[in-house]
Amino acid sequence: MSILNQKTVKSSIKVDGVGLHTGLPVSMKILPAQPNTGIQFKRTDIQKNNLILPSVYNVSNTTLCTTISNDFGLEVSTIEHLMGALYGLGVDNATVELNSKEVPILDGSAKNFVELILDTGIETSSTPIKIIKIEKKVELKRDNKFIKIEQSKVNLDIDFDIKYPNQIIGTQRNKINVYNDDLTEIFNSRTFCLYDDIEKLKKMGLGKGGSLENAIVVKDNKILNEEGLRNDLEFVNHKILDCMGDLYLLGYKIIGSVVCSQGGHSLTNELLRKVFDDKSNFSLIELKGKNLPHSFINKSLLKSIA
């Protein structure tokens, strides 16, 4: 079967943890799904109208995470790390069941999700994948923040920078090719915050499940986590992971080039809505046969998928 065919997980994957913002325990399963299902979330603690689709227009809140909701007001939040893992691993179809409103934060990265999915295995179908190909440049500026997406030949590039006054975080920039590069450092990079912001989060009713076990905390010029950083660009790499997860709300793999400066969940979602506002901005293509080079699929995953 072609590596350009749709994929799902081989069997059920169970994940237990706590929500970063709710602090509530959550039990989650990632289940196989049929071709053309896409990624869907199901709240098993609710009996009716409990299906929530991660689409651009279902994003209902972008405060420090991505929250999606359905027409009945039912929500699932902090989906971006799991969505980034599914995107990077090439999983097109899966049903994610959970008994609470927030995806478990685990270690604050996508590392555990990726390991569990690869240990379980990925099943390839006979149904070709579909892609969204960006045809025109679309861009947004909000104060000191900027994001754009434009044409690319066969890749998805993400060029991201952050600028913090804190000396430890400072200015960082990284550029990745999602379908060619080894994404290990992206997957492994954890969410982070400044120690001085923790009290603000609590007053907002957020970060109730946060700890040094699932976030990097920076106080003045010191990282409070004993193990330090996992890689030199962990701060910006986590932002790239978030961006990958938010881009997957388009529902398909993307051929395009993204450049973002100091952006986040809100800016990415606003950009994607602007892309969809004009049908001439993109093309939806079904890949019948091997009509894209193998560079379209992340090389580091070929052995795992085979």
C-alpha atoms as a PDB file:
ATOM      1  CA  MET A   1       0.000   0.000   0.000  1.00  0.00           C
ATOM      2  CA  SER A   2       1.141   3.519  -0.736  1.00  0.00           C
ATOM      3  CA  ILE A   3       2.633   5.595   2.056  1.00  0.00           C
ATOM      4  CA  LEU A   4       0.308   8.291   0.719  1.00  0.00           C
ATOM      5  CA  ASN A   5      -2.754   6.366   1.897  1.00  0.00           C
ATOM      6  CA  GLN A   6      -4.777   7.247   4.987  1.00  0.00           C
ATOM      7  CA  LYS A   7      -3.652   5.890   8.346  1.00  0.00           C
ATOM      8  CA  THR A   8      -5.043   5.186  11.788  1.00  0.00           C
ATOM      9  CA  VAL A   9      -3.778   3.561  14.989  1.00  0.00           C
ATOM     10  CA  LYS A  10      -3.683  -0.252  14.963  1.00  0.00           C
ATOM     11  CA  SER A  11      -5.513  -0.684  18.275  1.00  0.00           C
ATOM     12  CA  SER A  12      -6.896   1.200  21.257  1.00  0.00           C
ATOM     13  CA  ILE A  13      -4.465   3.350  23.255  1.00  0.00           C
ATOM     14  CA  LYS A  14      -5.332   4.242  26.867  1.00  0.00           C
ATOM     15  CA  VAL A  15      -3.938   7.373  28.495  1.00  0.00           C
ATOM     16  CA  ASP A  16      -4.577   8.549  32.064  1.00  0.00           C
ATOM     17  CA  GLY A  17      -3.564  11.888  33.502  1.00  0.00           C
ATOM     18  CA  VAL A  18      -4.766  15.293  34.655  1.00  0.00           C
ATOM     19  CA  GLY A  19      -5.888  18.396  32.821  1.00  0.00           C
ATOM     20  CA  LEU A  20      -3.363  21.227  32.852  1.00  0.00           C
ATOM     21  CA  HIS A  21      -5.973  23.912  33.439  1.00  0.00           C
ATOM     22  CA  THR A  22      -8.845  22.050  35.127  1.00  0.00           C
ATOM     23  CA  GLY A  23      -6.600  19.955  37.379  1.00  0.00           C
ATOM     24  CA  LEU A  24      -9.160  17.175  36.996  1.00  0.00           C
ATOM     25  CA  PRO A  25      -8.240  13.518  36.435  1.00  0.00           C
ATOM     26  CA  VAL A  26      -9.004  12.312  32.929  1.00  0.00           C
ATOM     27  CA  SER A  27      -9.016   8.919  31.247  1.00  0.00           C
ATOM     28  CA  MET A  28      -8.601   9.009  27.486  1.00  0.00           C
ATOM     29  CA  LYS A  29      -8.561   6.463  24.670  1.00  0.00           C
ATOM     30  CA  ILE A  30      -7.280   6.890  21.125  1.00  0.00           C
ATOM     31  CA  LEU A  31      -9.238   4.464  18.956  1.00  0.00           C
ATOM     32  CA  PRO A  32      -8.853   3.311  15.333  1.00  0.00           C
ATOM     33  CA  ALA A  33     -11.231   4.940  12.855  1.00  0.00           C
ATOM     34  CA  GLN A  34     -12.282   4.257   9.287  1.00  0.00           C
ATOM     35  CA  PRO A  35     -10.832   6.209   6.314  1.00  0.00           C
ATOM     36  CA  ASN A  36     -12.314   9.678   5.786  1.00  0.00           C
ATOM     37  CA  THR A  37     -13.426   9.851   9.436  1.00  0.00           C
ATOM     38  CA  GLY A  38     -10.760  12.377  10.315  1.00  0.00           C
ATOM     39  CA  ILE A  39      -9.898  13.108  13.935  1.00  0.00           C
ATOM     40  CA  GLN A  40     -12.889  13.351  16.258  1.00  0.00           C
ATOM     41  CA  PHE A  41     -13.317  13.759  20.004  1.00  0.00           C
ATOM     42  CA  LYS A  42     -16.043  12.062  22.052  1.00  0.00           C
ATOM     43  CA  ARG A  43     -16.936  12.999  25.638  1.00  0.00           C
ATOM     44  CA  THR A  44     -17.861   9.694  27.299  1.00  0.00           C
ATOM     45  CA  ASP A  45     -18.983  11.483  30.490  1.00  0.00           C
ATOM     46  CA  ILE A  46     -21.861  12.943  28.486  1.00  0.00           C
ATOM     47  CA  GLN A  47     -24.535  10.669  27.017  1.00  0.00           C
ATOM     48  CA  LYS A  48     -25.984  12.795  24.205  1.00  0.00           C
ATOM     49  CA  ASN A  49     -24.574  15.140  21.549  1.00  0.00           C
ATOM     50  CA  ASN A  50     -21.090  14.272  22.782  1.00  0.00           C
ATOM     51  CA  LEU A  51     -19.113  14.316  19.510  1.00  0.00           C
ATOM     52  CA  ILE A  52     -16.813  17.309  18.951  1.00  0.00           C
ATOM     53  CA  LEU A  53     -14.903  17.817  15.708  1.00  0.00           C
ATOM     54  CA  PRO A  54     -11.552  19.654  15.736  1.00  0.00           C
ATOM     55  CA  SER A  55     -12.180  22.074  12.892  1.00  0.00           C
ATOM     56  CA  VAL A  56     -11.174  25.675  12.276  1.00  0.00           C
ATOM     57  CA  TYR A  57     -14.672  26.988  12.966  1.00  0.00           C
ATOM     58  CA  ASN A  58     -15.222  24.884  16.093  1.00  0.00           C
ATOM     59  CA  VAL A  59     -12.474  26.690  18.017  1.00  0.00           C
ATOM     60  CA  SER A  60     -14.286  28.461  20.841  1.00  0.00           C
ATOM     61  CA  ASN A  61     -11.407  29.623  23.059  1.00  0.00           C
ATOM     62  CA  THR A  62      -7.683  30.190  22.539  1.00  0.00           C
ATOM     63  CA  THR A  63      -6.668  31.395  26.011  1.00  0.00           C
ATOM     64  CA  LEU A  64      -3.412  29.530  26.741  1.00  0.00           C
ATOM     65  CA  CYS A  65      -4.687  26.450  24.878  1.00  0.00           C
ATOM     66  CA  THR A  66      -6.964  25.465  22.010  1.00  0.00           C
ATOM     67  CA  THR A  67     -10.541  24.652  22.999  1.00  0.00           C
ATOM     68  CA  ILE A  68     -13.103  23.254  20.567  1.00  0.00           C
ATOM     69  CA  SER A  69     -16.863  22.953  21.067  1.00  0.00           C
ATOM     70  CA  ASN A  70     -19.889  21.563  19.258  1.00  0.00           C
ATOM     71  CA  ASP A  71     -23.280  23.130  18.518  1.00  0.00           C
ATOM     72  CA  PHE A  72     -24.530  22.041  21.949  1.00  0.00           C
ATOM     73  CA  GLY A  73     -21.810  23.908  23.858  1.00  0.00           C
ATOM     74  CA  LEU A  74     -19.845  20.794  24.807  1.00  0.00           C
ATOM     75  CA  GLU A  75     -16.084  21.435  24.963  1.00  0.00           C
ATOM     76  CA  VAL A  76     -12.729  19.714  24.804  1.00  0.00           C
ATOM     77  CA  SER A  77      -9.658  21.798  25.617  1.00  0.00           C
ATOM     78  CA  THR A  78      -5.859  21.624  25.374  1.00  0.00           C
ATOM     79  CA  ILE A  79      -6.028  19.476  22.239  1.00  0.00           C
ATOM     80  CA  GLU A  80      -2.973  20.995  20.534  1.00  0.00           C
ATOM     81  CA  HIS A  81      -0.226  18.623  21.768  1.00  0.00           C
ATOM     82  CA  LEU A  82      -2.193  15.508  20.829  1.00  0.00           C
ATOM     83  CA  MET A  83      -3.165  17.038  17.483  1.00  0.00           C
ATOM     84  CA  GLY A  84       0.487  17.918  16.848  1.00  0.00           C
ATOM     85  CA  ALA A  85       1.498  14.321  17.573  1.00  0.00           C
ATOM     86  CA  LEU A  86      -1.176  12.927  15.241  1.00  0.00           C
ATOM     87  CA  TYR A  87      -0.179  15.351  12.498  1.00  0.00           C
ATOM     88  CA  GLY A  88       3.533  14.669  12.783  1.00  0.00           C
ATOM     89  CA  LEU A  89       2.992  10.893  12.819  1.00  0.00           C
ATOM     90  CA  GLY A  90       0.695  10.988   9.801  1.00  0.00           C
ATOM     91  CA  VAL A  91      -2.431   9.702  11.595  1.00  0.00           C
ATOM     92  CA  ASP A  92      -5.389  10.803   9.452  1.00  0.00           C
ATOM     93  CA  ASN A  93      -8.231   9.068  11.297  1.00  0.00           C
ATOM     94  CA  ALA A  94      -8.861   8.435  15.005  1.00  0.00           C
ATOM     95  CA  THR A  95     -11.590   8.752  17.602  1.00  0.00           C
ATOM     96  CA  VAL A  96     -10.412  10.240  20.890  1.00  0.00           C
ATOM     97  CA  GLU A  97     -12.660   9.337  23.814  1.00  0.00           C
ATOM     98  CA  LEU A  98     -12.270  11.112  27.134  1.00  0.00           C
ATOM     99  CA  ASN A  99     -14.289  11.334  30.341  1.00  0.00           C
ATOM    100  CA  SER A 100     -13.520  14.970  31.098  1.00  0.00           C
ATOM    101  CA  LYS A 101     -13.302  18.268  29.240  1.00  0.00           C
ATOM    102  CA  GLU A 102      -9.506  18.434  28.879  1.00  0.00           C
ATOM    103  CA  VAL A 103      -6.919  16.247  27.170  1.00  0.00           C
ATOM    104  CA  PRO A 104      -4.363  15.018  29.764  1.00  0.00           C
ATOM    105  CA  ILE A 105      -1.270  17.187  29.841  1.00  0.00           C
ATOM    106  CA  LEU A 106       1.127  14.282  30.699  1.00  0.00           C
ATOM    107  CA  ASP A 107       4.648  15.781  30.668  1.00  0.00           C
ATOM    108  CA  GLY A 108       3.623  18.998  28.891  1.00  0.00           C
ATOM    109  CA  SER A 109       4.836  17.885  25.460  1.00  0.00           C
ATOM    110  CA  ALA A 110       3.757  15.401  22.770  1.00  0.00           C
ATOM    111  CA  LYS A 111       6.489  12.919  23.733  1.00  0.00           C
ATOM    112  CA  ASN A 112       4.254  10.409  25.546  1.00  0.00           C
ATOM    113  CA  PHE A 113       1.537  10.545  22.882  1.00  0.00           C
ATOM    114  CA  VAL A 114       4.096   9.842  20.160  1.00  0.00           C
ATOM    115  CA  GLU A 115       5.683   6.944  22.058  1.00  0.00           C
ATOM    116  CA  LEU A 116       2.312   5.325  22.791  1.00  0.00           C
ATOM    117  CA  ILE A 117       1.158   5.617  19.183  1.00  0.00           C
ATOM    118  CA  LEU A 118       4.402   4.232  17.762  1.00  0.00           C
ATOM    119  CA  ASP A 119       4.429   1.371  20.309  1.00  0.00           C
ATOM    120  CA  THR A 120       0.871   0.464  19.308  1.00  0.00           C
ATOM    121  CA  GLY A 121       1.553   0.838  15.601  1.00  0.00           C
ATOM    122  CA  ILE A 122      -0.012   2.638  12.665  1.00  0.00           C
ATOM    123  CA  GLU A 123      -2.371   0.938  10.212  1.00  0.00           C
ATOM    124  CA  THR A 124      -2.356   1.990   6.559  1.00  0.00           C
ATOM    125  CA  SER A 125      -5.575   1.779   4.518  1.00  0.00           C
ATOM    126  CA  SER A 126      -6.137   1.536   0.767  1.00  0.00           C
ATOM    127  CA  THR A 127      -7.780   4.984   0.710  1.00  0.00           C
ATOM    128  CA  PRO A 128      -5.630   7.863  -0.598  1.00  0.00           C
ATOM    129  CA  ILE A 129      -4.984  10.882   1.586  1.00  0.00           C
ATOM    130  CA  LYS A 130      -6.252  14.351   0.807  1.00  0.00           C
ATOM    131  CA  ILE A 131      -4.197  17.495   1.128  1.00  0.00           C
ATOM    132  CA  ILE A 132      -4.808  21.213   1.204  1.00  0.00           C
ATOM    133  CA  LYS A 133      -2.435  23.054  -1.094  1.00  0.00           C
ATOM    134  CA  ILE A 134      -2.018  26.751  -0.399  1.00  0.00           C
ATOM    135  CA  GLU A 135      -2.322  28.752  -3.634  1.00  0.00           C
ATOM    136  CA  LYS A 136      -2.057  32.358  -2.419  1.00  0.00           C
ATOM    137  CA  LYS A 137      -0.286  34.194   0.366  1.00  0.00           C
ATOM    138  CA  VAL A 138      -2.490  34.982   3.354  1.00  0.00           C
ATOM    139  CA  GLU A 139      -1.128  37.031   6.246  1.00  0.00           C
ATOM    140  CA  LEU A 140      -2.151  38.750   9.467  1.00  0.00           C
ATOM    141  CA  LYS A 141      -0.572  41.346  11.756  1.00  0.00           C
ATOM    142  CA  ARG A 142      -1.736  42.015  15.305  1.00  0.00           C
ATOM    143  CA  ASP A 143       0.383  44.574  17.177  1.00  0.00           C
ATOM    144  CA  ASN A 144       3.848  42.976  17.410  1.00  0.00           C
ATOM    145  CA  LYS A 145       2.581  39.571  16.218  1.00  0.00           C
ATOM    146  CA  PHE A 146       2.688  38.321  12.648  1.00  0.00           C
ATOM    147  CA  ILE A 147       1.756  35.174  10.747  1.00  0.00           C
ATOM    148  CA  LYS A 148       1.524  34.241   7.075  1.00  0.00           C
ATOM    149  CA  ILE A 149       1.064  31.149   4.949  1.00  0.00           C
ATOM    150  CA  GLU A 150       2.007  30.903   1.295  1.00  0.00           C
ATOM    151  CA  GLN A 151       2.773  28.458  -1.487  1.00  0.00           C
ATOM    152  CA  SER A 152       5.268  25.603  -1.247  1.00  0.00           C
ATOM    153  CA  LYS A 153       6.028  22.865  -3.753  1.00  0.00           C
ATOM    154  CA  VAL A 154       5.651  19.631  -1.757  1.00  0.00           C
ATOM    155  CA  ASN A 155       6.354  20.540   1.865  1.00  0.00           C
ATOM    156  CA  LEU A 156       4.985  22.156   4.994  1.00  0.00           C
ATOM    157  CA  ASP A 157       7.587  24.513   6.426  1.00  0.00           C
ATOM    158  CA  ILE A 158       7.101  26.292   9.745  1.00  0.00           C
ATOM    159  CA  ASP A 159       9.416  29.227  10.534  1.00  0.00           C
ATOM    160  CA  PHE A 160       8.689  30.510  14.057  1.00  0.00           C
ATOM    161  CA  ASP A 161      10.261  33.024  16.407  1.00  0.00           C
ATOM    162  CA  ILE A 162       9.541  34.189  19.949  1.00  0.00           C
ATOM    163  CA  LYS A 163      10.809  37.257  21.796  1.00  0.00           C
ATOM    164  CA  TYR A 164      10.659  37.413  25.588  1.00  0.00           C
ATOM    165  CA  PRO A 165      12.234  40.046  27.850  1.00  0.00           C
ATOM    166  CA  ASN A 166      13.270  37.234  30.196  1.00  0.00           C
ATOM    167  CA  GLN A 167      16.969  36.469  29.622  1.00  0.00           C
ATOM    168  CA  ILE A 168      16.547  32.686  29.852  1.00  0.00           C
ATOM    169  CA  ILE A 169      13.874  32.523  27.159  1.00  0.00           C
ATOM    170  CA  GLY A 170      15.006  35.556  25.192  1.00  0.00           C
ATOM    171  CA  THR A 171      14.741  35.509  21.393  1.00  0.00           C
ATOM    172  CA  GLN A 172      14.584  32.093  19.762  1.00  0.00           C
ATOM    173  CA  ARG A 173      13.894  31.036  16.194  1.00  0.00           C
ATOM    174  CA  ASN A 174      13.636  27.690  14.454  1.00  0.00           C
ATOM    175  CA  LYS A 175      12.466  26.484  11.054  1.00  0.00           C
ATOM    176  CA  ILE A 176      11.328  22.945  10.343  1.00  0.00           C
ATOM    177  CA  ASN A 177      10.098  20.911   7.406  1.00  0.00           C
ATOM    178  CA  VAL A 178       7.260  18.838   8.864  1.00  0.00           C
ATOM    179  CA  TYR A 179       7.460  16.069   6.241  1.00  0.00           C
ATOM    180  CA  ASN A 180      11.257  15.761   6.008  1.00  0.00           C
ATOM    181  CA  ASP A 181      12.827  16.662   9.338  1.00  0.00           C
ATOM    182  CA  ASP A 182      13.283  14.522  12.423  1.00  0.00           C
ATOM    183  CA  LEU A 183      10.578  15.956  14.708  1.00  0.00           C
ATOM    184  CA  THR A 184      11.868  14.390  17.943  1.00  0.00           C
ATOM    185  CA  GLU A 185      12.898  17.687  19.526  1.00  0.00           C
ATOM    186  CA  ILE A 186       9.589  19.289  18.511  1.00  0.00           C
ATOM    187  CA  PHE A 187       7.568  16.412  20.013  1.00  0.00           C
ATOM    188  CA  ASN A 188       9.678  16.435  23.216  1.00  0.00           C
ATOM    189  CA  SER A 189       9.469  20.175  23.908  1.00  0.00           C
ATOM    190  CA  ARG A 190       7.303  21.112  26.906  1.00  0.00           C
ATOM    191  CA  THR A 191       4.950  23.968  27.602  1.00  0.00           C
ATOM    192  CA  PHE A 192       6.474  26.752  29.683  1.00  0.00           C
ATOM    193  CA  CYS A 193       5.592  29.763  31.796  1.00  0.00           C
ATOM    194  CA  LEU A 194       7.177  32.455  33.903  1.00  0.00           C
ATOM    195  CA  TYR A 195       7.002  31.946  37.669  1.00  0.00           C
ATOM    196  CA  ASP A 196       5.597  35.462  38.037  1.00  0.00           C
ATOM    197  CA  ASP A 197       2.615  34.510  35.861  1.00  0.00           C
ATOM    198  CA  ILE A 198       1.499  31.533  37.968  1.00  0.00           C
ATOM    199  CA  GLU A 199      -0.576  33.665  40.345  1.00  0.00           C
ATOM    200  CA  LYS A 200      -2.250  35.365  37.371  1.00  0.00           C
ATOM    201  CA  LEU A 201      -3.168  31.949  35.949  1.00  0.00           C
ATOM    202  CA  LYS A 202      -4.729  30.900  39.242  1.00  0.00           C
ATOM    203  CA  LYS A 203      -6.829  34.065  39.377  1.00  0.00           C
ATOM    204  CA  MET A 204      -8.057  33.241  35.860  1.00  0.00           C
ATOM    205  CA  GLY A 205      -9.027  29.763  37.040  1.00  0.00           C
ATOM    206  CA  LEU A 206      -6.310  28.191  34.867  1.00  0.00           C
ATOM    207  CA  GLY A 207      -3.212  26.088  35.465  1.00  0.00           C
ATOM    208  CA  LYS A 208      -4.818  24.105  38.308  1.00  0.00           C
ATOM    209  CA  GLY A 209      -3.020  20.932  37.195  1.00  0.00           C
ATOM    210  CA  GLY A 210       0.286  22.602  36.414  1.00  0.00           C
ATOM    211  CA  SER A 211       3.535  21.492  38.074  1.00  0.00           C
ATOM    212  CA  LEU A 212       7.216  21.047  37.374  1.00  0.00           C
ATOM    213  CA  GLU A 213       6.262  17.578  36.113  1.00  0.00           C
ATOM    214  CA  ASN A 214       4.387  19.014  33.124  1.00  0.00           C
ATOM    215  CA  ALA A 215       5.781  22.483  32.442  1.00  0.00           C
ATOM    216  CA  ILE A 216       9.038  24.394  32.329  1.00  0.00           C
ATOM    217  CA  VAL A 217       8.911  27.181  34.903  1.00  0.00           C
ATOM    218  CA  VAL A 218      11.331  30.099  34.566  1.00  0.00           C
ATOM    219  CA  LYS A 219      11.966  32.328  37.588  1.00  0.00           C
ATOM    220  CA  ASP A 220      14.136  35.367  36.896  1.00  0.00           C
ATOM    221  CA  ASN A 221      17.276  33.878  35.322  1.00  0.00           C
ATOM    222  CA  LYS A 222      16.775  30.324  36.487  1.00  0.00           C
ATOM    223  CA  ILE A 223      14.895  27.271  35.247  1.00  0.00           C
ATOM    224  CA  LEU A 224      13.208  25.676  38.267  1.00  0.00           C
ATOM    225  CA  ASN A 225      13.016  22.189  36.726  1.00  0.00           C
ATOM    226  CA  GLU A 226      15.952  20.172  38.058  1.00  0.00           C
ATOM    227  CA  GLU A 227      16.601  18.424  34.735  1.00  0.00           C
ATOM    228  CA  GLY A 228      16.788  21.733  32.841  1.00  0.00           C
ATOM    229  CA  LEU A 229      15.939  21.921  29.157  1.00  0.00           C
ATOM    230  CA  ARG A 230      15.578  18.946  26.829  1.00  0.00           C
ATOM    231  CA  ASN A 231      17.022  20.876  23.886  1.00  0.00           C
ATOM    232  CA  ASP A 232      18.537  24.316  23.325  1.00  0.00           C
ATOM    233  CA  LEU A 233      15.471  25.636  21.485  1.00  0.00           C
ATOM    234  CA  GLU A 234      12.819  23.990  23.661  1.00  0.00           C
ATOM    235  CA  PHE A 235      10.813  27.198  24.138  1.00  0.00           C
ATOM    236  CA  VAL A 236      10.337  27.983  20.449  1.00  0.00           C
ATOM    237  CA  ASN A 237      10.126  24.281  19.579  1.00  0.00           C
ATOM    238  CA  HIS A 238       7.099  23.965  21.844  1.00  0.00           C
ATOM    239  CA  LYS A 239       5.493  26.878  20.024  1.00  0.00           C
ATOM    240  CA  ILE A 240       6.092  25.006  16.759  1.00  0.00           C
ATOM    241  CA  LEU A 241       4.419  21.921  18.262  1.00  0.00           C
ATOM    242  CA  ASP A 242       1.418  24.069  19.194  1.00  0.00           C
ATOM    243  CA  CYS A 243       1.363  25.514  15.695  1.00  0.00           C
ATOM    244  CA  MET A 244       1.402  22.038  14.135  1.00  0.00           C
ATOM    245  CA  GLY A 245      -1.521  20.973  16.296  1.00  0.00           C
ATOM    246  CA  ASP A 246      -3.505  24.089  15.457  1.00  0.00           C
ATOM    247  CA  LEU A 247      -2.781  23.741  11.727  1.00  0.00           C
ATOM    248  CA  TYR A 248      -4.242  20.230  11.817  1.00  0.00           C
ATOM    249  CA  LEU A 249      -7.625  21.794  12.509  1.00  0.00           C
ATOM    250  CA  LEU A 250      -7.766  22.291   8.740  1.00  0.00           C
ATOM    251  CA  GLY A 251      -8.515  18.557   8.708  1.00  0.00           C
ATOM    252  CA  TYR A 252      -5.862  17.599   6.170  1.00  0.00           C
ATOM    253  CA  LYS A 253      -2.130  17.684   5.633  1.00  0.00           C
ATOM    254  CA  ILE A 254      -1.021  21.011   4.230  1.00  0.00           C
ATOM    255  CA  ILE A 255       1.344  21.918   1.418  1.00  0.00           C
ATOM    256  CA  GLY A 256       2.470  25.427   2.269  1.00  0.00           C
ATOM    257  CA  SER A 257       4.975  27.606   4.069  1.00  0.00           C
ATOM    258  CA  VAL A 258       4.167  29.209   7.433  1.00  0.00           C
ATOM    259  CA  VAL A 259       6.103  32.084   8.977  1.00  0.00           C
ATOM    260  CA  CYS A 260       5.100  33.274  12.442  1.00  0.00           C
ATOM    261  CA  SER A 261       6.556  35.812  14.848  1.00  0.00           C
ATOM    262  CA  GLN A 262       5.365  35.813  18.472  1.00  0.00           C
ATOM    263  CA  GLY A 263       2.090  34.164  17.550  1.00  0.00           C
ATOM    264  CA  GLY A 264      -0.047  31.594  19.294  1.00  0.00           C
ATOM    265  CA  HIS A 265      -3.319  29.706  19.170  1.00  0.00           C
ATOM    266  CA  SER A 266      -5.504  32.719  18.446  1.00  0.00           C
ATOM    267  CA  LEU A 267      -3.392  34.092  15.609  1.00  0.00           C
ATOM    268  CA  THR A 268      -3.067  30.688  13.923  1.00  0.00           C
ATOM    269  CA  ASN A 269      -6.818  30.092  14.070  1.00  0.00           C
ATOM    270  CA  GLU A 270      -7.526  33.564  12.739  1.00  0.00           C
ATOM    271  CA  LEU A 271      -5.155  32.898   9.834  1.00  0.00           C
ATOM    272  CA  LEU A 272      -6.834  29.586   8.965  1.00  0.00           C
ATOM    273  CA  ARG A 273     -10.262  31.206   8.968  1.00  0.00           C
ATOM    274  CA  LYS A 274      -8.934  33.845   6.603  1.00  0.00           C
ATOM    275  CA  VAL A 275      -7.570  31.091   4.317  1.00  0.00           C
ATOM    276  CA  PHE A 276     -11.025  29.517   4.169  1.00  0.00           C
ATOM    277  CA  ASP A 277     -12.737  32.868   3.549  1.00  0.00           C
ATOM    278  CA  ASP A 278     -11.655  32.758  -0.104  1.00  0.00           C
ATOM    279  CA  LYS A 279     -11.710  29.444  -1.984  1.00  0.00           C
ATOM    280  CA  SER A 280      -9.043  30.709  -4.375  1.00  0.00           C
ATOM    281  CA  ASN A 281      -6.557  30.646  -1.450  1.00  0.00           C
ATOM    282  CA  PHE A 282      -6.306  26.837  -1.512  1.00  0.00           C
ATOM    283  CA  SER A 283      -6.967  23.619  -3.405  1.00  0.00           C
ATOM    284  CA  LEU A 284      -8.192  20.330  -1.934  1.00  0.00           C
ATOM    285  CA  ILE A 285      -6.428  17.449  -3.666  1.00  0.00           C
ATOM    286  CA  GLU A 286      -6.892  13.703  -3.370  1.00  0.00           C
ATOM    287  CA  LEU A 287      -3.627  11.863  -3.945  1.00  0.00           C
ATOM    288  CA  LYS A 288      -4.422   8.896  -6.130  1.00  0.00           C
ATOM    289  CA  GLY A 289      -1.267   6.865  -6.526  1.00  0.00           C
ATOM    290  CA  LYS A 290       2.271   7.950  -5.792  1.00  0.00           C
ATOM    291  CA  ASN A 291       2.032  11.386  -7.333  1.00  0.00           C
ATOM    292  CA  LEU A 292       4.102  13.094  -4.673  1.00  0.00           C
ATOM    293  CA  PRO A 293       7.717  12.295  -3.779  1.00  0.00           C
ATOM    294  CA  HIS A 294       8.396  10.335  -0.608  1.00  0.00           C
ATOM    295  CA  SER A 295       9.712  13.507   0.997  1.00  0.00           C
ATOM    296  CA  PHE A 296       6.069  14.342   1.663  1.00  0.00           C
ATOM    297  CA  ILE A 297       6.053  11.748   4.452  1.00  0.00           C
ATOM    298  CA  ASN A 298       8.344  12.220   7.425  1.00  0.00           C
ATOM    299  CA  LYS A 299      11.355   9.980   6.728  1.00  0.00           C
ATOM    300  CA  SER A 300      11.854   9.142  10.399  1.00  0.00           C
ATOM    301  CA  LEU A 301       8.430   7.459  10.478  1.00  0.00           C
ATOM    302  CA  LEU A 302       8.686   5.167   7.440  1.00  0.00           C
ATOM    303  CA  LYS A 303      10.141   2.259   9.411  1.00  0.00           C
ATOM    304  CA  SER A 304       7.507   2.616  12.124  1.00  0.00           C
ATOM    305  CA  ILE A 305       4.617   2.792   9.632  1.00  0.00           C
ATOM    306  CA  ALA A 306       5.772  -0.073   7.420  1.00  0.00           C
END
